[in-house]
C-alpha atoms as a PDB file:
ATOM      1  CA  MET A   1     104.343 -85.992  11.436  1.00  0.00           C
ATOM      2  CA  VAL A   2     103.701 -88.172  14.258  1.00  0.00           C
ATOM      3  CA  GLN A   3     104.989 -86.188  17.236  1.00  0.00           C
ATOM      4  CA  GLY A   4     108.955 -87.009  18.136  1.00  0.00           C
ATOM      5  CA  HIS A   5     109.057 -88.981  14.951  1.00  0.00           C
ATOM      6  CA  ARG A   6     112.217 -88.464  12.463  1.00  0.00           C
ATOM      7  CA  TRP A   7     110.870 -88.285   8.988  1.00  0.00           C
ATOM      8  CA  VAL A   8     112.921 -91.333   6.453  1.00  0.00           C
ATOM      9  CA  GLY A   9     113.575 -89.821   2.838  1.00  0.00           C
ATOM     10  CA  ASP A  10     113.944 -93.156   1.188  1.00  0.00           C
ATOM     11  CA  GLU A  11     111.061 -95.054   2.901  1.00  0.00           C
ATOM     12  CA  PRO A  12     111.366 -98.649   1.466  1.00  0.00           C
ATOM     13  CA  GLU A  13     107.424 -99.242  -0.093  1.00  0.00           C
ATOM     14  CA  ILE A  14     105.089-102.164   1.745  1.00  0.00           C
ATOM     15  CA  PRO A  15     103.184-103.669  -1.548  1.00  0.00           C
ATOM     16  CA  PHE A  16     100.094-104.828   0.734  1.00  0.00           C
ATOM     17  CA  GLU A  17      96.765-102.625   1.778  1.00  0.00           C
ATOM     18  CA  TYR A  18      94.457-103.051   4.245  1.00  0.00           C
ATOM     19  CA  ASP A  19      90.946-103.180   3.900  1.00  0.00           C
ATOM     20  CA  ILE A  20      88.448-101.166   5.978  1.00  0.00           C
ATOM     21  CA  VAL A  21      86.298-103.681   7.722  1.00  0.00           C
ATOM     22  CA  TYR A  22      84.062-100.868   9.378  1.00  0.00           C
ATOM     23  CA  GLU A  23      83.673 -96.941   9.546  1.00  0.00           C
ATOM     24  CA  ASP A  24      81.446 -94.849  11.631  1.00  0.00           C
ATOM     25  CA  SER A  25      81.675 -91.279  13.113  1.00  0.00           C
ATOM     26  CA  GLY A  26      83.894 -92.441  15.705  1.00  0.00           C
ATOM     27  CA  ILE A  27      86.258 -94.905  14.823  1.00  0.00           C
ATOM     28  CA  ILE A  28      87.310 -97.135  11.687  1.00  0.00           C
ATOM     29  CA  VAL A  29      88.009-100.783  11.842  1.00  0.00           C
ATOM     30  CA  ILE A  30      91.005-102.030   9.607  1.00  0.00           C
ATOM     31  CA  ASP A  31      91.694-105.730   7.871  1.00  0.00           C
ATOM     32  CA  LYS A  32      95.726-105.141   8.383  1.00  0.00           C
ATOM     33  CA  PRO A  33      97.614-107.300   6.177  1.00  0.00           C
ATOM     34  CA  HIS A  34     101.440-109.038   6.953  1.00  0.00           C
ATOM     35  CA  PHE A  35     104.397-106.151   7.288  1.00  0.00           C
ATOM     36  CA  LEU A  36     102.480-103.411   7.671  1.00  0.00           C
ATOM     37  CA  ALA A  37     103.534-101.725  10.617  1.00  0.00           C
ATOM     38  CA  THR A  38     100.119 -99.961  12.805  1.00  0.00           C
ATOM     39  CA  THR A  39     102.014 -96.700  13.651  1.00  0.00           C
ATOM     40  CA  PRO A  40     105.623 -95.174  12.943  1.00  0.00           C
ATOM     41  CA  ARG A  41     108.316 -96.784  14.277  1.00  0.00           C
ATOM     42  CA  GLY A  42     112.017 -96.819  13.203  1.00  0.00           C
ATOM     43  CA  MET A  43     112.270 -96.892   9.328  1.00  0.00           C
ATOM     44  CA  TRP A  44     108.489 -97.199   8.861  1.00  0.00           C
ATOM     45  CA  TYR A  45     106.975 -93.786   8.357  1.00  0.00           C
ATOM     46  CA  ARG A  46     104.495 -93.774   5.386  1.00  0.00           C
ATOM     47  CA  GLN A  47     104.329 -96.902   4.817  1.00  0.00           C
ATOM     48  CA  THR A  48     101.824 -97.429   8.235  1.00  0.00           C
ATOM     49  CA  ALA A  49      98.749 -98.266   9.025  1.00  0.00           C
ATOM     50  CA  LEU A  50      97.925 -94.880  10.364  1.00  0.00           C
ATOM     51  CA  ILE A  51      99.876 -92.711   8.377  1.00  0.00           C
ATOM     52  CA  ARG A  52      97.798 -94.102   5.327  1.00  0.00           C
ATOM     53  CA  LEU A  53      95.117 -93.748   7.045  1.00  0.00           C
ATOM     54  CA  ARG A  54      95.264 -89.928   7.650  1.00  0.00           C
ATOM     55  CA  GLU A  55      96.283 -89.481   4.509  1.00  0.00           C
ATOM     56  CA  GLN A  56      93.227 -91.428   3.031  1.00  0.00           C
ATOM     57  CA  PHE A  57      90.571 -89.634   4.502  1.00  0.00           C
ATOM     58  CA  GLY A  58      92.778 -86.359   5.017  1.00  0.00           C
ATOM     59  CA  GLU A  59      91.991 -86.786   9.141  1.00  0.00           C
ATOM     60  CA  PRO A  60      95.162 -85.530  11.104  1.00  0.00           C
ATOM     61  CA  ASP A  61      93.673 -87.176  14.512  1.00  0.00           C
ATOM     62  CA  ILE A  62      93.166 -90.981  13.354  1.00  0.00           C
ATOM     63  CA  THR A  63      94.561 -92.992  16.671  1.00  0.00           C
ATOM     64  CA  PRO A  64      94.904 -96.919  16.828  1.00  0.00           C
ATOM     65  CA  ALA A  65      92.898 -97.929  19.963  1.00  0.00           C
ATOM     66  CA  HIS A  66      95.350-100.557  20.381  1.00  0.00           C
ATOM     67  CA  ARG A  67      98.195-101.906  18.148  1.00  0.00           C
ATOM     68  CA  LEU A  68      99.291-105.291  16.222  1.00  0.00           C
ATOM     69  CA  ASP A  69     103.446-106.227  15.455  1.00  0.00           C
ATOM     70  CA  ARG A  70     104.141-105.609  12.035  1.00  0.00           C
ATOM     71  CA  SER A  71     104.458-109.051  11.727  1.00  0.00           C
ATOM     72  CA  THR A  72     100.972-110.052  12.711  1.00  0.00           C
ATOM     73  CA  ALA A  73      98.182-109.272  10.388  1.00  0.00           C
ATOM     74  CA  GLY A  74      94.071-108.965  11.276  1.00  0.00           C
ATOM     75  CA  ILE A  75      91.767-106.302  12.749  1.00  0.00           C
ATOM     76  CA  VAL A  76      92.483-103.139  14.176  1.00  0.00           C
ATOM     77  CA  VAL A  77      90.552-100.167  15.596  1.00  0.00           C
ATOM     78  CA  PHE A  78      91.556 -96.890  14.700  1.00  0.00           C
ATOM     79  CA  THR A  79      89.550 -93.985  16.561  1.00  0.00           C
ATOM     80  CA  ARG A  80      89.072 -90.522  14.551  1.00  0.00           C
ATOM     81  CA  LYS A  81      88.350 -88.012  17.185  1.00  0.00           C
ATOM     82  CA  PRO A  82      90.637 -87.076  20.087  1.00  0.00           C
ATOM     83  CA  ARG A  83      87.781 -87.213  22.703  1.00  0.00           C
ATOM     84  CA  LEU A  84      87.322 -90.493  21.579  1.00  0.00           C
ATOM     85  CA  ARG A  85      90.733 -92.220  22.061  1.00  0.00           C
ATOM     86  CA  LYS A  86      90.871 -92.764  25.786  1.00  0.00           C
ATOM     87  CA  THR A  87      87.381 -94.397  25.967  1.00  0.00           C
ATOM     88  CA  TYR A  88      88.256 -96.747  23.281  1.00  0.00           C
ATOM     89  CA  GLN A  89      92.119 -97.512  24.606  1.00  0.00           C
ATOM     90  CA  MET A  90      90.382 -97.963  27.996  1.00  0.00           C
ATOM     91  CA  LEU A  91      88.169-100.645  26.528  1.00  0.00           C
ATOM     92  CA  PHE A  92      91.678-102.996  25.718  1.00  0.00           C
ATOM     93  CA  GLN A  93      93.656-101.450  28.336  1.00  0.00           C
ATOM     94  CA  LYS A  94      90.962-103.059  30.998  1.00  0.00           C
ATOM     95  CA  HIS A  95      90.817-106.269  28.891  1.00  0.00           C
ATOM     96  CA  MET A  96      87.159-105.739  28.243  1.00  0.00           C
ATOM     97  CA  VAL A  97      87.963-107.130  24.433  1.00  0.00           C
ATOM     98  CA  THR A  98      87.453-110.801  23.410  1.00  0.00           C
ATOM     99  CA  LYS A  99      90.318-111.441  21.047  1.00  0.00           C
ATOM    100  CA  THR A 100      90.825-114.564  18.784  1.00  0.00           C
ATOM    101  CA  TYR A 101      93.991-115.144  16.826  1.00  0.00           C
ATOM    102  CA  GLU A 102      95.056-118.070  14.368  1.00  0.00           C
ATOM    103  CA  CYS A 103      98.218-119.484  13.800  1.00  0.00           C
ATOM    104  CA  LEU A 104      99.693-122.081  12.020  1.00  0.00           C
ATOM    105  CA  ALA A 105     102.271-124.461  13.956  1.00  0.00           C
ATOM    106  CA  PRO A 106     103.617-127.660  13.651  1.00  0.00           C
ATOM    107  CA  CYS A 107     101.120-130.896  14.652  1.00  0.00           C
ATOM    108  CA  VAL A 108     103.372-132.536  17.144  1.00  0.00           C
ATOM    109  CA  PRO A 109     103.196-133.306  20.969  1.00  0.00           C
ATOM    110  CA  ILE A 110     103.451-130.525  22.764  1.00  0.00           C
ATOM    111  CA  ALA A 111     107.230-129.687  25.107  1.00  0.00           C
ATOM    112  CA  ARG A 112     107.108-128.864  28.597  1.00  0.00           C
ATOM    113  CA  PRO A 113     107.903-125.704  28.853  1.00  0.00           C
ATOM    114  CA  ARG A 114     111.304-124.005  31.278  1.00  0.00           C
ATOM    115  CA  PHE A 115     108.915-121.853  33.196  1.00  0.00           C
ATOM    116  CA  GLY A 116     105.210-121.368  34.455  1.00  0.00           C
ATOM    117  CA  THR A 117     102.234-123.802  33.897  1.00  0.00           C
ATOM    118  CA  ILE A 118      99.990-125.586  31.551  1.00  0.00           C
ATOM    119  CA  THR A 119      96.786-126.344  32.687  1.00  0.00           C
ATOM    120  CA  ARG A 120      94.319-128.685  30.603  1.00  0.00           C
ATOM    121  CA  LEU A 121      90.636-127.280  30.353  1.00  0.00           C
ATOM    122  CA  ASP A 122      89.287-130.759  29.512  1.00  0.00           C
ATOM    123  CA  PRO A 123      91.283-133.079  30.363  1.00  0.00           C
ATOM    124  CA  PRO A 124      92.745-135.735  29.606  1.00  0.00           C
ATOM    125  CA  ALA A 125      92.513-133.929  26.385  1.00  0.00           C
ATOM    126  CA  VAL A 126      95.381-131.700  25.790  1.00  0.00           C
ATOM    127  CA  PHE A 127      93.561-129.027  24.232  1.00  0.00           C
ATOM    128  CA  PRO A 128      92.182-126.382  25.209  1.00  0.00           C
ATOM    129  CA  LEU A 129      94.698-125.581  27.532  1.00  0.00           C
ATOM    130  CA  LEU A 130      95.834-122.544  29.375  1.00  0.00           C
ATOM    131  CA  ARG A 131      99.552-121.243  30.047  1.00  0.00           C
ATOM    132  CA  ARG A 132     100.490-118.916  32.114  1.00  0.00           C
ATOM    133  CA  SER A 133     104.201-117.125  32.848  1.00  0.00           C
ATOM    134  CA  ARG A 134     106.095-114.648  33.251  1.00  0.00           C
ATOM    135  CA  ILE A 135     107.641-113.263  30.229  1.00  0.00           C
ATOM    136  CA  VAL A 136     109.595-109.538  29.880  1.00  0.00           C
ATOM    137  CA  LYS A 137     110.573-107.959  27.188  1.00  0.00           C
ATOM    138  CA  GLN A 138     113.870-105.503  27.845  1.00  0.00           C
ATOM    139  CA  ARG A 139     114.200-102.682  25.422  1.00  0.00           C
ATOM    140  CA  GLY A 140     116.838-102.852  22.628  1.00  0.00           C
ATOM    141  CA  ILE A 141     116.439-106.842  22.816  1.00  0.00           C
ATOM    142  CA  LEU A 142     114.396-108.025  20.003  1.00  0.00           C
ATOM    143  CA  GLN A 143     113.084-111.328  21.711  1.00  0.00           C
ATOM    144  CA  ALA A 144     110.691-111.600  24.751  1.00  0.00           C
ATOM    145  CA  TYR A 145     111.725-114.083  27.093  1.00  0.00           C
ATOM    146  CA  GLU A 146     110.489-116.579  29.837  1.00  0.00           C
ATOM    147  CA  GLU A 147     111.372-116.051  33.625  1.00  0.00           C
ATOM    148  CA  PRO A 148     110.386-117.407  37.289  1.00  0.00           C
ATOM    149  CA  GLY A 149     108.230-114.971  39.153  1.00  0.00           C
ATOM    150  CA  GLU A 150     104.640-113.413  39.276  1.00  0.00           C
ATOM    151  CA  VAL A 151     102.654-114.962  36.517  1.00  0.00           C
ATOM    152  CA  ASN A 152     102.156-111.818  34.168  1.00  0.00           C
ATOM    153  CA  ALA A 153     101.001-113.151  30.622  1.00  0.00           C
ATOM    154  CA  GLU A 154      97.749-115.792  30.222  1.00  0.00           C
ATOM    155  CA  THR A 155      96.663-117.631  27.372  1.00  0.00           C
ATOM    156  CA  VAL A 156      94.120-120.038  26.318  1.00  0.00           C
ATOM    157  CA  ILE A 157      95.232-122.098  23.171  1.00  0.00           C
ATOM    158  CA  ARG A 158      92.883-124.330  21.459  1.00  0.00           C
ATOM    159  CA  LEU A 159      93.091-126.939  18.828  1.00  0.00           C
ATOM    160  CA  GLY A 160      91.719-125.079  15.039  1.00  0.00           C
ATOM    161  CA  ASP A 161      89.800-126.495  11.916  1.00  0.00           C
ATOM    162  CA  VAL A 162      91.097-130.075  12.199  1.00  0.00           C
ATOM    163  CA  GLY A 163      90.169-130.151   8.030  1.00  0.00           C
ATOM    164  CA  ALA A 164      92.321-127.090   7.511  1.00  0.00           C
ATOM    165  CA  ASP A 165      95.424-128.477   8.316  1.00  0.00           C
ATOM    166  CA  VAL A 166      98.192-127.792   6.321  1.00  0.00           C
ATOM    167  CA  ASP A 167     100.783-130.031   4.366  1.00  0.00           C
ATOM    168  CA  ALA A 168     103.999-128.039   3.394  1.00  0.00           C
ATOM    169  CA  ASP A 169     104.476-130.742   0.468  1.00  0.00           C
ATOM    170  CA  VAL A 170     101.742-129.701  -1.172  1.00  0.00           C
ATOM    171  CA  ALA A 171     101.653-125.956   0.100  1.00  0.00           C
ATOM    172  CA  ALA A 172     103.535-123.531  -2.316  1.00  0.00           C
ATOM    173  CA  GLY A 173     106.682-121.334  -1.427  1.00  0.00           C
ATOM    174  CA  THR A 174     106.745-123.310   1.760  1.00  0.00           C
ATOM    175  CA  PRO A 175     110.289-123.626   2.896  1.00  0.00           C
ATOM    176  CA  ARG A 176     111.578-127.171   2.536  1.00  0.00           C
ATOM    177  CA  ALA A 177     113.434-126.824   5.831  1.00  0.00           C
ATOM    178  CA  TRP A 178     109.745-126.131   7.868  1.00  0.00           C
ATOM    179  CA  PRO A 179     108.404-129.394   9.368  1.00  0.00           C
ATOM    180  CA  LEU A 180     106.123-131.203   7.092  1.00  0.00           C
ATOM    181  CA  ARG A 181     102.760-130.727   9.016  1.00  0.00           C
ATOM    182  CA  TYR A 182     101.259-127.988  10.484  1.00  0.00           C
ATOM    183  CA  ARG A 183      97.626-127.472  11.650  1.00  0.00           C
ATOM    184  CA  ARG A 184      95.809-124.541  13.048  1.00  0.00           C
ATOM    185  CA  TYR A 185      95.179-123.297  16.621  1.00  0.00           C
ATOM    186  CA  MET A 186      92.872-120.609  17.985  1.00  0.00           C
ATOM    187  CA  LEU A 187      94.804-118.539  20.396  1.00  0.00           C
ATOM    188  CA  GLU A 188      92.831-116.195  23.082  1.00  0.00           C
ATOM    189  CA  PRO A 189      95.307-113.910  25.362  1.00  0.00           C
ATOM    190  CA  ARG A 190      93.678-113.143  28.828  1.00  0.00           C
ATOM    191  CA  THR A 191      96.875-110.535  28.863  1.00  0.00           C
ATOM    192  CA  GLY A 192      98.581-108.418  26.684  1.00  0.00           C
ATOM    193  CA  LYS A 193     102.723-108.809  27.051  1.00  0.00           C
ATOM    194  CA  THR A 194     104.740-108.244  24.207  1.00  0.00           C
ATOM    195  CA  HIS A 195     105.084-111.160  21.952  1.00  0.00           C
ATOM    196  CA  GLN A 196     103.130-113.289  24.231  1.00  0.00           C
ATOM    197  CA  LEU A 197     101.470-115.427  21.761  1.00  0.00           C
ATOM    198  CA  ARG A 198     104.891-116.160  19.753  1.00  0.00           C
ATOM    199  CA  VAL A 199     106.529-116.792  23.289  1.00  0.00           C
ATOM    200  CA  HIS A 200     104.023-118.777  24.960  1.00  0.00           C
ATOM    201  CA  MET A 201     103.831-121.529  21.648  1.00  0.00           C
ATOM    202  CA  ASN A 202     107.401-121.333  21.146  1.00  0.00           C
ATOM    203  CA  ALA A 203     107.552-122.379  25.054  1.00  0.00           C
ATOM    204  CA  LEU A 204     105.581-125.685  24.268  1.00  0.00           C
ATOM    205  CA  GLY A 205     107.402-126.346  21.010  1.00  0.00           C
ATOM    206  CA  LEU A 206     104.895-125.261  18.442  1.00  0.00           C
ATOM    207  CA  PRO A 207     107.180-122.290  17.303  1.00  0.00           C
ATOM    208  CA  ILE A 208     104.569-120.309  14.816  1.00  0.00           C
ATOM    209  CA  ALA A 209     105.311-120.696  11.127  1.00  0.00           C
ATOM    210  CA  GLY A 210     107.351-117.906   9.781  1.00  0.00           C
ATOM    211  CA  ASP A 211     108.600-116.210  12.677  1.00  0.00           C
ATOM    212  CA  GLU A 212     111.402-115.161  12.657  1.00  0.00           C
ATOM    213  CA  LEU A 213     112.380-114.183  15.964  1.00  0.00           C
ATOM    214  CA  TYR A 214     111.282-117.481  17.625  1.00  0.00           C
ATOM    215  CA  PRO A 215     113.183-120.013  18.426  1.00  0.00           C
ATOM    216  CA  SER A 216     116.169-118.561  17.033  1.00  0.00           C
ATOM    217  CA  ILE A 217     116.394-114.650  14.966  1.00  0.00           C
ATOM    218  CA  GLN A 218     116.686-115.214  11.553  1.00  0.00           C
ATOM    219  CA  ASN A 219     117.705-111.706   9.321  1.00  0.00           C
ATOM    220  CA  ARG A 220     115.683-111.681   6.784  1.00  0.00           C
ATOM    221  CA  ALA A 221     115.743-108.463   4.169  1.00  0.00           C
ATOM    222  CA  TYR A 222     113.120-105.764   4.816  1.00  0.00           C
ATOM    223  CA  ASP A 223     111.924-106.407   1.716  1.00  0.00           C
ATOM    224  CA  ASP A 224     111.487-110.432   1.802  1.00  0.00           C
ATOM    225  CA  PHE A 225     107.694-111.168   1.950  1.00  0.00           C
ATOM    226  CA  SER A 226     108.430-114.957   1.227  1.00  0.00           C
ATOM    227  CA  GLN A 227     107.495-115.921   4.654  1.00  0.00           C
ATOM    228  CA  PRO A 228     105.304-114.358   6.441  1.00  0.00           C
ATOM    229  CA  LEU A 229     104.468-115.054  10.142  1.00  0.00           C
ATOM    230  CA  GLN A 230     101.607-117.368  10.653  1.00  0.00           C
ATOM    231  CA  LEU A 231      99.860-115.505  12.649  1.00  0.00           C
ATOM    232  CA  VAL A 232      96.282-113.454  12.548  1.00  0.00           C
ATOM    233  CA  ALA A 233      93.889-111.267  15.021  1.00  0.00           C
ATOM    234  CA  ARG A 234      91.111-113.022  13.631  1.00  0.00           C
ATOM    235  CA  SER A 235      87.541-111.383  15.672  1.00  0.00           C
ATOM    236  CA  LEU A 236      87.810-108.259  18.128  1.00  0.00           C
ATOM    237  CA  GLU A 237      84.415-108.056  20.430  1.00  0.00           C
ATOM    238  CA  PHE A 238      83.523-105.861  22.637  1.00  0.00           C
ATOM    239  CA  ILE A 239      80.237-104.017  23.745  1.00  0.00           C
ATOM    240  CA  ASP A 240      80.520-100.479  21.770  1.00  0.00           C
ATOM    241  CA  PRO A 241      81.211 -97.748  24.855  1.00  0.00           C
ATOM    242  CA  ILE A 242      79.261 -95.068  23.061  1.00  0.00           C
ATOM    243  CA  THR A 243      75.818 -96.698  21.361  1.00  0.00           C
ATOM    244  CA  ASP A 244      76.393 -99.784  23.899  1.00  0.00           C
ATOM    245  CA  GLU A 245      75.948-101.760  20.613  1.00  0.00           C
ATOM    246  CA  PRO A 246      77.797-105.611  20.218  1.00  0.00           C
ATOM    247  CA  ARG A 247      80.517-105.292  17.707  1.00  0.00           C
ATOM    248  CA  ARG A 248      82.168-108.206  16.324  1.00  0.00           C
ATOM    249  CA  PHE A 249      84.922-107.810  13.801  1.00  0.00           C
ATOM    250  CA  VAL A 250      86.355-111.102  11.456  1.00  0.00           C
ATOM    251  CA  SER A 251      89.500-110.526   9.836  1.00  0.00           C
ATOM    252  CA  ARG A 252      89.434-111.835   6.465  1.00  0.00           C
ATOM    253  CA  VAL A 253      93.646-112.473   5.954  1.00  0.00           C
ATOM    254  CA  LYS A 254      94.574-116.335   4.817  1.00  0.00           C
ATOM    255  CA  LEU A 255      96.976-118.197   6.203  1.00  0.00           C
ATOM    256  CA  GLY A 256      98.876-120.583   4.305  1.00  0.00           C
ATOM    257  CA  TRP A 257     101.774-120.246   1.600  1.00  0.00           C
ATOM    258  CA  GLY A 258     101.625-119.454  -1.781  1.00  0.00           C
END
């Protein structure tokens, strides 16, 4: 059992599995599905990527080098040995990892955010842009929020593949209340604040499709898997601190509905 976490006797099952993208004697890299938490929290214990990995490999020392929200799919790196834990975790803490996320969000003109700044990186084009603001997340409150003050969150936002835009009219299972036209955006966080990408996109008037927290909280049942957050940690790149080899891992999780 994870230290400090209570045992959950009647735990709901998450009917999605991760894929093993890469493994060696030091790390395991998985492609995490939507709805599967990275580590135990709240009602989730065995139905988490960490505990599933420990049970699958019979290795109680497996530990995540970083985390993804339960709602977010994509690449997650785990270490296998205690002596390697800090080495790989420091890569993420010192921002030595290049992260690229992909999302689906409305294809509409951006709105002026209430707080923070927008810098066009290739003017006069709107995208790519650099979004900077101060984001605060308080314990016990579901939503993070922006406020005036020293900037602590930066995200580069680019347009994704134009040919891969999604039309909700032909996307099976898409809620009719959503806007009719979505497109892909590539998000490159330069910092790692809680819900940073979701907050930054929502502040631009581009809330990520399927988001149950932004712009407003939606109380969905824990076993409602019909509207996954359309956000994937698409790739991770870093220089392996043990071998000095360049590493690049890419998620194969698809965005869209149906």
